[in-house]
């Protein structure tokens, strides 16, 4: 009986891996390269996590979010963040009904399955705070009434680097609600040539028409259950805890990672194992996910920032100092 269960579990992981390959194939119809970025986005989806995409303008951040929504047969909503955007423009407002003589709640654009928040760091902290509850608890409380979000609920946010003109730094409490911060770099020379060759004379809407819907809400729920059941040994859980603990005691850091970060790293390691076709986690899964999970959750001391040290550099050093599980 035990052997039969193991075989069934492996078969489910293999089916999930095949579906992820299908998603890769659909995205590659439009986006050239960026394989690591695509894999991270799919990993975040399997973890039921929100994702922050950072890169300079014009590197397909918004296009990637649209593609993901196009592949999934669920409701897509988009919010363009601007400096004058108000919290009510995000979560909704109270509207007077003259026939009934009362006020009713009109849901805002955040009520969707996939919510693309474009240029999230263009809005000030007052508007950012409107996302705190909905990102963490999948609900909106307005005028004493709670409105739950439909399943699934995923925020895909894009931002330009903070040194760009007209941007605001995201609050730490909000950054911690993103499972990943994914950095999108410029394409290579050969990838740039391929983009020019394949997309010349085509509008973005035409490119999106080439992508098929291959994932339903029920599929997402099923695949997330498979990921939750991926095996992880106690020694690897302890390894994750030691990495997180090291960020809290590192003299180069002003702010270490939270418990939410350790849970995110555990989930991401499980999803990575599934992405690789395995039903068990290995230390390399944890190492691979450490940087995208932690880079936005730690804060360097001013001295280290002046030395030009980056969060990615520090995370790499921490990984090297923490002993691998045996």
C-alpha atoms as a PDB file:
ATOM      1  CA  UNK A   1       0.000   0.000   0.000  1.00  0.00           C
ATOM      2  CA  UNK A   2       2.820   2.401   0.846  1.00  0.00           C
ATOM      3  CA  UNK A   3       4.518   1.796  -2.509  1.00  0.00           C
ATOM      4  CA  UNK A   4       1.230   2.490  -4.312  1.00  0.00           C
ATOM      5  CA  UNK A   5       0.848   5.844  -2.502  1.00  0.00           C
ATOM      6  CA  UNK A   6       4.403   6.874  -3.333  1.00  0.00           C
ATOM      7  CA  UNK A   7       3.841   6.040  -7.008  1.00  0.00           C
ATOM      8  CA  UNK A   8       0.611   8.024  -7.073  1.00  0.00           C
ATOM      9  CA  UNK A   9       2.281  11.029  -5.471  1.00  0.00           C
ATOM     10  CA  UNK A  10       5.138  10.926  -7.971  1.00  0.00           C
ATOM     11  CA  UNK A  11       2.623  10.687 -10.814  1.00  0.00           C
ATOM     12  CA  UNK A  12       0.881  13.838  -9.587  1.00  0.00           C
ATOM     13  CA  UNK A  13       4.173  15.729  -9.412  1.00  0.00           C
ATOM     14  CA  UNK A  14       5.014  14.534 -12.927  1.00  0.00           C
ATOM     15  CA  UNK A  15       1.631  15.800 -14.176  1.00  0.00           C
ATOM     16  CA  UNK A  16       2.247  19.151 -12.483  1.00  0.00           C
ATOM     17  CA  UNK A  17       5.693  19.360 -14.048  1.00  0.00           C
ATOM     18  CA  UNK A  18       4.190  18.709 -17.494  1.00  0.00           C
ATOM     19  CA  UNK A  19       1.614  21.468 -16.985  1.00  0.00           C
ATOM     20  CA  UNK A  20       4.373  23.900 -15.982  1.00  0.00           C
ATOM     21  CA  UNK A  21       6.245  23.020 -19.178  1.00  0.00           C
ATOM     22  CA  UNK A  22       3.061  23.809 -21.124  1.00  0.00           C
ATOM     23  CA  UNK A  23       2.894  27.208 -19.415  1.00  0.00           C
ATOM     24  CA  UNK A  24       6.533  27.875 -20.286  1.00  0.00           C
ATOM     25  CA  UNK A  25       5.780  27.048 -23.917  1.00  0.00           C
ATOM     26  CA  UNK A  26       2.851  29.479 -24.009  1.00  0.00           C
ATOM     27  CA  UNK A  27       4.852  32.314 -22.446  1.00  0.00           C
ATOM     28  CA  UNK A  28       7.792  31.708 -24.813  1.00  0.00           C
ATOM     29  CA  UNK A  29       5.474  32.486 -27.735  1.00  0.00           C
ATOM     30  CA  UNK A  30       5.694  36.122 -26.668  1.00  0.00           C
ATOM     31  CA  UNK A  31       8.615  36.578 -24.247  1.00  0.00           C
ATOM     32  CA  UNK A  32      12.077  35.635 -25.456  1.00  0.00           C
ATOM     33  CA  UNK A  33      14.450  34.349 -22.755  1.00  0.00           C
ATOM     34  CA  UNK A  34      13.860  35.367 -19.106  1.00  0.00           C
ATOM     35  CA  UNK A  35      13.502  31.669 -18.208  1.00  0.00           C
ATOM     36  CA  UNK A  36      14.503  32.190 -14.583  1.00  0.00           C
ATOM     37  CA  UNK A  37      11.965  35.000 -14.221  1.00  0.00           C
ATOM     38  CA  UNK A  38       9.195  32.839 -15.709  1.00  0.00           C
ATOM     39  CA  UNK A  39      10.073  29.947 -13.375  1.00  0.00           C
ATOM     40  CA  UNK A  40       9.987  32.240 -10.345  1.00  0.00           C
ATOM     41  CA  UNK A  41       6.589  33.620 -11.323  1.00  0.00           C
ATOM     42  CA  UNK A  42       5.212  30.078 -11.662  1.00  0.00           C
ATOM     43  CA  UNK A  43       6.790  29.144  -8.329  1.00  0.00           C
ATOM     44  CA  UNK A  44       5.092  32.108  -6.675  1.00  0.00           C
ATOM     45  CA  UNK A  45       1.770  31.054  -8.207  1.00  0.00           C
ATOM     46  CA  UNK A  46       2.140  27.556  -6.743  1.00  0.00           C
ATOM     47  CA  UNK A  47       2.915  29.079  -3.324  1.00  0.00           C
ATOM     48  CA  UNK A  48      -0.205  31.277  -3.326  1.00  0.00           C
ATOM     49  CA  UNK A  49       2.135  34.254  -3.058  1.00  0.00           C
ATOM     50  CA  UNK A  50       2.133  37.805  -4.350  1.00  0.00           C
ATOM     51  CA  UNK A  51       5.014  38.804  -6.616  1.00  0.00           C
ATOM     52  CA  UNK A  52       6.938  42.050  -7.055  1.00  0.00           C
ATOM     53  CA  UNK A  53       8.633  42.533 -10.434  1.00  0.00           C
ATOM     54  CA  UNK A  54      11.332  45.190 -10.568  1.00  0.00           C
ATOM     55  CA  UNK A  55      13.129  46.470 -13.633  1.00  0.00           C
ATOM     56  CA  UNK A  56      13.703  49.506 -15.777  1.00  0.00           C
ATOM     57  CA  UNK A  57      10.872  50.510 -18.147  1.00  0.00           C
ATOM     58  CA  UNK A  58      10.446  48.391 -21.255  1.00  0.00           C
ATOM     59  CA  UNK A  59      11.691  44.959 -20.100  1.00  0.00           C
ATOM     60  CA  UNK A  60       8.268  43.243 -20.346  1.00  0.00           C
ATOM     61  CA  UNK A  61       7.219  43.388 -16.666  1.00  0.00           C
ATOM     62  CA  UNK A  62       3.619  44.325 -17.449  1.00  0.00           C
ATOM     63  CA  UNK A  63       3.525  42.027 -20.469  1.00  0.00           C
ATOM     64  CA  UNK A  64       4.541  39.057 -18.307  1.00  0.00           C
ATOM     65  CA  UNK A  65       1.716  39.774 -15.861  1.00  0.00           C
ATOM     66  CA  UNK A  66      -0.787  40.023 -18.729  1.00  0.00           C
ATOM     67  CA  UNK A  67       0.488  36.752 -20.163  1.00  0.00           C
ATOM     68  CA  UNK A  68      -0.004  34.943 -16.867  1.00  0.00           C
ATOM     69  CA  UNK A  69      -3.578  36.240 -16.683  1.00  0.00           C
ATOM     70  CA  UNK A  70      -4.193  35.188 -20.288  1.00  0.00           C
ATOM     71  CA  UNK A  71      -2.975  31.632 -19.603  1.00  0.00           C
ATOM     72  CA  UNK A  72      -5.347  31.268 -16.632  1.00  0.00           C
ATOM     73  CA  UNK A  73      -9.097  31.223 -17.128  1.00  0.00           C
ATOM     74  CA  UNK A  74      -9.794  33.617 -14.258  1.00  0.00           C
ATOM     75  CA  UNK A  75     -10.695  37.287 -13.818  1.00  0.00           C
ATOM     76  CA  UNK A  76      -7.933  39.805 -14.500  1.00  0.00           C
ATOM     77  CA  UNK A  77      -7.876  43.342 -13.099  1.00  0.00           C
ATOM     78  CA  UNK A  78      -5.356  46.135 -13.554  1.00  0.00           C
ATOM     79  CA  UNK A  79      -4.616  49.199 -11.434  1.00  0.00           C
ATOM     80  CA  UNK A  80      -2.255  51.910 -12.634  1.00  0.00           C
ATOM     81  CA  UNK A  81      -0.691  53.491  -9.554  1.00  0.00           C
ATOM     82  CA  UNK A  82      -0.134  57.260  -9.734  1.00  0.00           C
ATOM     83  CA  UNK A  83       0.846  59.904  -7.149  1.00  0.00           C
ATOM     84  CA  UNK A  84      -2.764  61.156  -6.853  1.00  0.00           C
ATOM     85  CA  UNK A  85      -4.381  57.709  -6.465  1.00  0.00           C
ATOM     86  CA  UNK A  86      -6.497  57.386  -3.313  1.00  0.00           C
ATOM     87  CA  UNK A  87      -7.188  54.231  -1.211  1.00  0.00           C
ATOM     88  CA  UNK A  88     -10.834  54.260  -2.333  1.00  0.00           C
ATOM     89  CA  UNK A  89      -9.686  54.057  -5.957  1.00  0.00           C
ATOM     90  CA  UNK A  90      -8.137  50.693  -5.062  1.00  0.00           C
ATOM     91  CA  UNK A  91     -10.470  48.919  -2.609  1.00  0.00           C
ATOM     92  CA  UNK A  92     -13.762  50.609  -3.506  1.00  0.00           C
ATOM     93  CA  UNK A  93     -16.087  53.344  -2.303  1.00  0.00           C
ATOM     94  CA  UNK A  94     -19.529  53.924  -0.819  1.00  0.00           C
ATOM     95  CA  UNK A  95     -22.104  54.953  -3.421  1.00  0.00           C
ATOM     96  CA  UNK A  96     -25.525  56.484  -2.705  1.00  0.00           C
ATOM     97  CA  UNK A  97     -28.482  54.587  -4.158  1.00  0.00           C
ATOM     98  CA  UNK A  98     -31.273  57.148  -4.740  1.00  0.00           C
ATOM     99  CA  UNK A  99     -33.988  54.500  -5.249  1.00  0.00           C
ATOM    100  CA  UNK A 100     -33.296  52.713  -1.967  1.00  0.00           C
ATOM    101  CA  UNK A 101     -32.223  55.870  -0.173  1.00  0.00           C
ATOM    102  CA  UNK A 102     -29.054  54.287   1.253  1.00  0.00           C
ATOM    103  CA  UNK A 103     -25.373  53.801   0.573  1.00  0.00           C
ATOM    104  CA  UNK A 104     -23.909  50.612  -0.873  1.00  0.00           C
ATOM    105  CA  UNK A 105     -20.346  49.427  -1.322  1.00  0.00           C
ATOM    106  CA  UNK A 106     -18.988  49.480  -4.857  1.00  0.00           C
ATOM    107  CA  UNK A 107     -15.955  47.160  -5.077  1.00  0.00           C
ATOM    108  CA  UNK A 108     -12.777  48.626  -6.524  1.00  0.00           C
ATOM    109  CA  UNK A 109     -10.421  47.088  -9.089  1.00  0.00           C
ATOM    110  CA  UNK A 110      -8.571  45.123  -6.393  1.00  0.00           C
ATOM    111  CA  UNK A 111     -11.489  42.665  -6.503  1.00  0.00           C
ATOM    112  CA  UNK A 112     -10.080  40.283  -9.087  1.00  0.00           C
ATOM    113  CA  UNK A 113      -8.295  36.955  -9.272  1.00  0.00           C
ATOM    114  CA  UNK A 114      -5.081  38.259 -10.784  1.00  0.00           C
ATOM    115  CA  UNK A 115      -4.575  41.926  -9.939  1.00  0.00           C
ATOM    116  CA  UNK A 116      -1.832  43.698 -11.833  1.00  0.00           C
ATOM    117  CA  UNK A 117      -0.635  46.785  -9.974  1.00  0.00           C
ATOM    118  CA  UNK A 118       1.433  48.656 -12.502  1.00  0.00           C
ATOM    119  CA  UNK A 119       4.233  50.870 -11.172  1.00  0.00           C
ATOM    120  CA  UNK A 120       3.278  50.243  -7.560  1.00  0.00           C
ATOM    121  CA  UNK A 121       5.983  52.611  -6.305  1.00  0.00           C
ATOM    122  CA  UNK A 122       4.379  55.590  -8.067  1.00  0.00           C
ATOM    123  CA  UNK A 123       1.811  55.984  -5.271  1.00  0.00           C
ATOM    124  CA  UNK A 124       2.522  57.368  -1.770  1.00  0.00           C
ATOM    125  CA  UNK A 125       2.329  55.405   1.496  1.00  0.00           C
ATOM    126  CA  UNK A 126      -1.309  56.385   2.130  1.00  0.00           C
ATOM    127  CA  UNK A 127      -2.422  54.468  -0.955  1.00  0.00           C
ATOM    128  CA  UNK A 128       0.049  51.625  -0.353  1.00  0.00           C
ATOM    129  CA  UNK A 129      -1.569  51.005   3.046  1.00  0.00           C
ATOM    130  CA  UNK A 130      -4.841  50.128   1.296  1.00  0.00           C
ATOM    131  CA  UNK A 131      -3.177  46.888   0.182  1.00  0.00           C
ATOM    132  CA  UNK A 132      -2.039  45.673   3.609  1.00  0.00           C
ATOM    133  CA  UNK A 133      -5.205  43.805   4.606  1.00  0.00           C
ATOM    134  CA  UNK A 134      -6.154  42.457   1.201  1.00  0.00           C
ATOM    135  CA  UNK A 135      -2.676  41.058   0.459  1.00  0.00           C
ATOM    136  CA  UNK A 136      -2.328  39.324   3.821  1.00  0.00           C
ATOM    137  CA  UNK A 137      -5.877  38.234   4.655  1.00  0.00           C
ATOM    138  CA  UNK A 138      -7.490  38.093   1.184  1.00  0.00           C
ATOM    139  CA  UNK A 139     -10.298  40.377   2.323  1.00  0.00           C
ATOM    140  CA  UNK A 140     -11.291  44.040   2.409  1.00  0.00           C
ATOM    141  CA  UNK A 141     -12.953  45.669   5.416  1.00  0.00           C
ATOM    142  CA  UNK A 142     -15.003  48.736   4.534  1.00  0.00           C
ATOM    143  CA  UNK A 143     -17.288  50.632   6.906  1.00  0.00           C
ATOM    144  CA  UNK A 144     -17.306  47.710   9.354  1.00  0.00           C
ATOM    145  CA  UNK A 145     -18.168  45.050   6.774  1.00  0.00           C
ATOM    146  CA  UNK A 146     -15.699  42.416   5.527  1.00  0.00           C
ATOM    147  CA  UNK A 147     -15.676  41.439   1.860  1.00  0.00           C
ATOM    148  CA  UNK A 148     -13.679  38.279   1.056  1.00  0.00           C
ATOM    149  CA  UNK A 149     -11.753  37.943  -2.204  1.00  0.00           C
ATOM    150  CA  UNK A 150     -12.558  35.208  -4.700  1.00  0.00           C
ATOM    151  CA  UNK A 151     -10.111  32.299  -5.032  1.00  0.00           C
ATOM    152  CA  UNK A 152      -7.442  32.552  -6.280  1.00  0.00           C
ATOM    153  CA  UNK A 153      -6.228  36.034  -5.415  1.00  0.00           C
ATOM    154  CA  UNK A 154      -2.763  37.030  -6.619  1.00  0.00           C
ATOM    155  CA  UNK A 155      -1.178  40.468  -6.731  1.00  0.00           C
ATOM    156  CA  UNK A 156       1.424  40.938  -9.440  1.00  0.00           C
ATOM    157  CA  UNK A 157       3.060  44.315  -8.928  1.00  0.00           C
ATOM    158  CA  UNK A 158       5.632  46.034 -11.103  1.00  0.00           C
ATOM    159  CA  UNK A 159       7.964  48.798 -10.070  1.00  0.00           C
ATOM    160  CA  UNK A 160      10.808  50.828 -11.465  1.00  0.00           C
ATOM    161  CA  UNK A 161      14.052  51.038  -9.476  1.00  0.00           C
ATOM    162  CA  UNK A 162      13.677  53.472  -6.588  1.00  0.00           C
ATOM    163  CA  UNK A 163      16.347  55.801  -7.983  1.00  0.00           C
ATOM    164  CA  UNK A 164      14.053  56.633 -10.914  1.00  0.00           C
ATOM    165  CA  UNK A 165      12.350  60.034 -10.730  1.00  0.00           C
ATOM    166  CA  UNK A 166       8.875  60.245  -9.195  1.00  0.00           C
ATOM    167  CA  UNK A 167       8.871  57.023  -7.164  1.00  0.00           C
ATOM    168  CA  UNK A 168       8.297  56.196  -3.492  1.00  0.00           C
ATOM    169  CA  UNK A 169       9.909  53.544  -1.350  1.00  0.00           C
ATOM    170  CA  UNK A 170       7.442  50.777  -0.456  1.00  0.00           C
ATOM    171  CA  UNK A 171       6.753  50.343   3.288  1.00  0.00           C
ATOM    172  CA  UNK A 172       8.570  47.389   4.858  1.00  0.00           C
ATOM    173  CA  UNK A 173       5.252  45.912   6.040  1.00  0.00           C
ATOM    174  CA  UNK A 174       4.045  45.790   2.454  1.00  0.00           C
ATOM    175  CA  UNK A 175       7.289  44.444   1.020  1.00  0.00           C
ATOM    176  CA  UNK A 176       7.089  41.563   3.494  1.00  0.00           C
ATOM    177  CA  UNK A 177       3.766  40.540   1.954  1.00  0.00           C
ATOM    178  CA  UNK A 178       5.393  39.719  -1.383  1.00  0.00           C
ATOM    179  CA  UNK A 179       6.773  36.186  -1.513  1.00  0.00           C
ATOM    180  CA  UNK A 180       9.311  37.191  -4.171  1.00  0.00           C
ATOM    181  CA  UNK A 181      11.004  40.266  -5.459  1.00  0.00           C
ATOM    182  CA  UNK A 182      12.104  39.364  -8.978  1.00  0.00           C
ATOM    183  CA  UNK A 183      14.669  41.515 -10.759  1.00  0.00           C
ATOM    184  CA  UNK A 184      14.186  41.635 -14.529  1.00  0.00           C
ATOM    185  CA  UNK A 185      17.352  42.513 -16.414  1.00  0.00           C
ATOM    186  CA  UNK A 186      17.922  43.582 -19.995  1.00  0.00           C
ATOM    187  CA  UNK A 187      17.885  40.752 -22.553  1.00  0.00           C
ATOM    188  CA  UNK A 188      21.151  39.472 -24.007  1.00  0.00           C
ATOM    189  CA  UNK A 189      22.260  40.611 -27.460  1.00  0.00           C
ATOM    190  CA  UNK A 190      20.995  37.420 -29.115  1.00  0.00           C
ATOM    191  CA  UNK A 191      17.690  37.620 -27.243  1.00  0.00           C
ATOM    192  CA  UNK A 192      17.316  41.236 -28.350  1.00  0.00           C
ATOM    193  CA  UNK A 193      17.796  40.180 -31.977  1.00  0.00           C
ATOM    194  CA  UNK A 194      15.191  37.411 -31.555  1.00  0.00           C
ATOM    195  CA  UNK A 195      12.703  39.891 -30.077  1.00  0.00           C
ATOM    196  CA  UNK A 196      13.172  42.282 -32.980  1.00  0.00           C
ATOM    197  CA  UNK A 197      12.827  39.488 -35.534  1.00  0.00           C
ATOM    198  CA  UNK A 198       9.698  37.938 -34.031  1.00  0.00           C
ATOM    199  CA  UNK A 199       7.793  41.052 -32.956  1.00  0.00           C
ATOM    200  CA  UNK A 200       8.444  43.560 -35.704  1.00  0.00           C
ATOM    201  CA  UNK A 201       5.202  45.098 -36.943  1.00  0.00           C
ATOM    202  CA  UNK A 202       3.098  43.433 -34.215  1.00  0.00           C
ATOM    203  CA  UNK A 203       1.089  45.130 -31.498  1.00  0.00           C
ATOM    204  CA  UNK A 204       1.006  43.748 -27.947  1.00  0.00           C
ATOM    205  CA  UNK A 205      -2.663  42.774 -28.342  1.00  0.00           C
ATOM    206  CA  UNK A 206      -1.765  40.620 -31.346  1.00  0.00           C
ATOM    207  CA  UNK A 207       0.962  38.846 -29.388  1.00  0.00           C
ATOM    208  CA  UNK A 208      -1.438  38.053 -26.548  1.00  0.00           C
ATOM    209  CA  UNK A 209      -3.895  36.457 -28.989  1.00  0.00           C
ATOM    210  CA  UNK A 210      -1.342  33.703 -29.698  1.00  0.00           C
ATOM    211  CA  UNK A 211      -1.539  32.488 -26.068  1.00  0.00           C
ATOM    212  CA  UNK A 212      -4.066  29.838 -25.016  1.00  0.00           C
ATOM    213  CA  UNK A 213      -5.897  29.474 -21.710  1.00  0.00           C
ATOM    214  CA  UNK A 214      -4.594  26.257 -20.143  1.00  0.00           C
ATOM    215  CA  UNK A 215      -5.107  26.744 -16.396  1.00  0.00           C
ATOM    216  CA  UNK A 216      -8.349  27.053 -14.409  1.00  0.00           C
ATOM    217  CA  UNK A 217      -8.971  28.071 -10.800  1.00  0.00           C
ATOM    218  CA  UNK A 218      -9.612  24.409  -9.955  1.00  0.00           C
ATOM    219  CA  UNK A 219      -6.264  23.450 -11.517  1.00  0.00           C
ATOM    220  CA  UNK A 220      -4.460  26.038  -9.409  1.00  0.00           C
ATOM    221  CA  UNK A 221      -6.078  24.750  -6.225  1.00  0.00           C
ATOM    222  CA  UNK A 222      -5.186  21.139  -7.101  1.00  0.00           C
ATOM    223  CA  UNK A 223      -1.559  21.944  -7.936  1.00  0.00           C
ATOM    224  CA  UNK A 224      -1.141  23.983  -4.772  1.00  0.00           C
ATOM    225  CA  UNK A 225      -2.332  20.986  -2.763  1.00  0.00           C
ATOM    226  CA  UNK A 226       0.315  18.840  -4.474  1.00  0.00           C
ATOM    227  CA  UNK A 227       2.987  21.393  -3.559  1.00  0.00           C
ATOM    228  CA  UNK A 228       1.844  21.505   0.074  1.00  0.00           C
ATOM    229  CA  UNK A 229       2.304  17.718   0.244  1.00  0.00           C
ATOM    230  CA  UNK A 230       5.880  17.776  -1.079  1.00  0.00           C
ATOM    231  CA  UNK A 231       8.134  16.010   1.454  1.00  0.00           C
ATOM    232  CA  UNK A 232      10.623  18.064   3.420  1.00  0.00           C
ATOM    233  CA  UNK A 233      12.880  16.575   6.096  1.00  0.00           C
ATOM    234  CA  UNK A 234      13.318  18.102   9.532  1.00  0.00           C
ATOM    235  CA  UNK A 235      17.005  18.772   8.852  1.00  0.00           C
ATOM    236  CA  UNK A 236      16.090  20.998   5.877  1.00  0.00           C
ATOM    237  CA  UNK A 237      13.447  22.839   7.906  1.00  0.00           C
ATOM    238  CA  UNK A 238      16.142  23.505  10.507  1.00  0.00           C
ATOM    239  CA  UNK A 239      18.449  24.686   7.705  1.00  0.00           C
ATOM    240  CA  UNK A 240      15.828  27.259   6.654  1.00  0.00           C
ATOM    241  CA  UNK A 241      15.467  28.424  10.263  1.00  0.00           C
ATOM    242  CA  UNK A 242      19.249  28.855  10.613  1.00  0.00           C
ATOM    243  CA  UNK A 243      19.403  30.997   7.462  1.00  0.00           C
ATOM    244  CA  UNK A 244      16.605  33.243   8.720  1.00  0.00           C
ATOM    245  CA  UNK A 245      18.154  33.446  12.186  1.00  0.00           C
ATOM    246  CA  UNK A 246      21.476  34.488  10.669  1.00  0.00           C
ATOM    247  CA  UNK A 247      19.816  37.502   9.017  1.00  0.00           C
ATOM    248  CA  UNK A 248      18.593  38.627  12.435  1.00  0.00           C
ATOM    249  CA  UNK A 249      22.049  38.414  14.019  1.00  0.00           C
ATOM    250  CA  UNK A 250      24.189  39.636  11.131  1.00  0.00           C
ATOM    251  CA  UNK A 251      26.047  42.863  12.044  1.00  0.00           C
ATOM    252  CA  UNK A 252      25.715  44.098   8.443  1.00  0.00           C
ATOM    253  CA  UNK A 253      21.927  44.145   8.665  1.00  0.00           C
ATOM    254  CA  UNK A 254      19.730  46.783  10.270  1.00  0.00           C
ATOM    255  CA  UNK A 255      16.602  44.650   9.717  1.00  0.00           C
ATOM    256  CA  UNK A 256      16.499  40.859   9.465  1.00  0.00           C
ATOM    257  CA  UNK A 257      13.916  38.549   7.935  1.00  0.00           C
ATOM    258  CA  UNK A 258      10.567  37.848   9.601  1.00  0.00           C
ATOM    259  CA  UNK A 259       8.830  34.568  10.407  1.00  0.00           C
ATOM    260  CA  UNK A 260       6.694  35.229   7.336  1.00  0.00           C
ATOM    261  CA  UNK A 261       9.953  35.073   5.374  1.00  0.00           C
ATOM    262  CA  UNK A 262      10.878  31.643   6.768  1.00  0.00           C
ATOM    263  CA  UNK A 263       7.429  30.288   5.860  1.00  0.00           C
ATOM    264  CA  UNK A 264       7.791  31.787   2.388  1.00  0.00           C
ATOM    265  CA  UNK A 265      11.188  30.151   1.935  1.00  0.00           C
ATOM    266  CA  UNK A 266       9.777  26.774   2.980  1.00  0.00           C
ATOM    267  CA  UNK A 267       6.852  27.081   0.545  1.00  0.00           C
ATOM    268  CA  UNK A 268       9.139  28.258  -2.262  1.00  0.00           C
ATOM    269  CA  UNK A 269      11.521  25.350  -1.716  1.00  0.00           C
ATOM    270  CA  UNK A 270       8.621  22.897  -1.973  1.00  0.00           C
ATOM    271  CA  UNK A 271       7.336  24.542  -5.162  1.00  0.00           C
ATOM    272  CA  UNK A 272      10.839  24.494  -6.659  1.00  0.00           C
ATOM    273  CA  UNK A 273      11.073  20.763  -5.999  1.00  0.00           C
ATOM    274  CA  UNK A 274       7.771  20.270  -7.837  1.00  0.00           C
ATOM    275  CA  UNK A 275       9.001  22.511 -10.645  1.00  0.00           C
ATOM    276  CA  UNK A 276      11.996  20.181 -11.007  1.00  0.00           C
ATOM    277  CA  UNK A 277       9.777  17.076 -11.015  1.00  0.00           C
ATOM    278  CA  UNK A 278      10.623  15.917  -7.480  1.00  0.00           C
ATOM    279  CA  UNK A 279       8.306  15.121  -4.569  1.00  0.00           C
ATOM    280  CA  UNK A 280      10.955  15.983  -1.968  1.00  0.00           C
ATOM    281  CA  UNK A 281      13.009  19.064  -1.103  1.00  0.00           C
ATOM    282  CA  UNK A 282      16.808  19.171  -1.250  1.00  0.00           C
ATOM    283  CA  UNK A 283      19.078  21.900   0.206  1.00  0.00           C
ATOM    284  CA  UNK A 284      19.722  23.291  -3.296  1.00  0.00           C
ATOM    285  CA  UNK A 285      16.017  24.205  -3.538  1.00  0.00           C
ATOM    286  CA  UNK A 286      16.365  26.347  -0.424  1.00  0.00           C
ATOM    287  CA  UNK A 287      19.575  27.965  -1.699  1.00  0.00           C
ATOM    288  CA  UNK A 288      17.979  28.768  -5.071  1.00  0.00           C
ATOM    289  CA  UNK A 289      14.982  30.468  -3.446  1.00  0.00           C
ATOM    290  CA  UNK A 290      16.804  32.329  -0.683  1.00  0.00           C
ATOM    291  CA  UNK A 291      17.675  35.428  -2.706  1.00  0.00           C
ATOM    292  CA  UNK A 292      14.265  36.184  -4.303  1.00  0.00           C
ATOM    293  CA  UNK A 293      12.517  35.457  -0.989  1.00  0.00           C
ATOM    294  CA  UNK A 294      14.829  37.555   1.206  1.00  0.00           C
ATOM    295  CA  UNK A 295      16.245  40.401  -0.915  1.00  0.00           C
ATOM    296  CA  UNK A 296      13.309  42.746  -0.206  1.00  0.00           C
ATOM    297  CA  UNK A 297      12.874  41.709   3.419  1.00  0.00           C
ATOM    298  CA  UNK A 298      16.290  42.648   4.805  1.00  0.00           C
ATOM    299  CA  UNK A 299      17.750  46.106   5.295  1.00  0.00           C
ATOM    300  CA  UNK A 300      21.471  46.810   5.272  1.00  0.00           C
ATOM    301  CA  UNK A 301      23.139  49.169   7.704  1.00  0.00           C
ATOM    302  CA  UNK A 302      23.982  52.594   6.260  1.00  0.00           C
ATOM    303  CA  UNK A 303      27.689  51.748   6.437  1.00  0.00           C
ATOM    304  CA  UNK A 304      27.275  48.654   4.248  1.00  0.00           C
ATOM    305  CA  UNK A 305      25.112  50.569   1.780  1.00  0.00           C
ATOM    306  CA  UNK A 306      27.855  53.187   1.456  1.00  0.00           C
ATOM    307  CA  UNK A 307      30.343  50.398   0.738  1.00  0.00           C
ATOM    308  CA  UNK A 308      28.207  49.355  -2.221  1.00  0.00           C
ATOM    309  CA  UNK A 309      27.102  46.036  -0.702  1.00  0.00           C
ATOM    310  CA  UNK A 310      23.742  44.814  -2.033  1.00  0.00           C
ATOM    311  CA  UNK A 311      21.155  42.592  -0.313  1.00  0.00           C
ATOM    312  CA  UNK A 312      21.918  39.882  -2.883  1.00  0.00           C
ATOM    313  CA  UNK A 313      25.609  39.973  -1.934  1.00  0.00           C
ATOM    314  CA  UNK A 314      24.811  39.645   1.742  1.00  0.00           C
ATOM    315  CA  UNK A 315      22.352  36.789   1.235  1.00  0.00           C
ATOM    316  CA  UNK A 316      24.994  34.933  -0.758  1.00  0.00           C
ATOM    317  CA  UNK A 317      27.493  35.395   2.075  1.00  0.00           C
ATOM    318  CA  UNK A 318      24.968  34.171   4.651  1.00  0.00           C
ATOM    319  CA  UNK A 319      24.258  31.038   2.592  1.00  0.00           C
ATOM    320  CA  UNK A 320      27.990  30.314   2.523  1.00  0.00           C
ATOM    321  CA  UNK A 321      28.319  30.627   6.310  1.00  0.00           C
ATOM    322  CA  UNK A 322      25.360  28.417   7.247  1.00  0.00           C
ATOM    323  CA  UNK A 323      26.319  24.753   7.313  1.00  0.00           C
ATOM    324  CA  UNK A 324      24.504  22.523   4.826  1.00  0.00           C
ATOM    325  CA  UNK A 325      22.292  19.813   6.360  1.00  0.00           C
ATOM    326  CA  UNK A 326      23.809  16.339   6.279  1.00  0.00           C
END
